Amino acid sequence: MSKKIPPTGKQKMIFVVHLIIFAIANFILWTTYDNGVQGWAYPWPAWITAAWSLAIVGHACALWTSYEDRGMDEFHRQAKNG
């Protein structure tokens, strides 16, 4: 069975920076999107928030669910010799 690869401190820090930028950008988007509009305004920041949220989930999955690829060493060995 493959071993789980634990995230490094730098990888965790980059993820936290990603979350902070996400929070700041979304705060700005949602507080300014209907500035001055009378009545209903199309919530266009919802698309950006949804897409970026999926990117955050993907980043978290890549960070905390990584496993070693036991065939990678063999692949590199064959690539050098071939």
Foldseek 3Di string as FASTA:
>chain_A
DWDFDAADPVLVVVLVVLVVVLVVVLVVLVVPVCVPPDDDDPSVCVVVNVVSVVVSVVSVCCNGVDTDDVCPVVVVVVVVVD
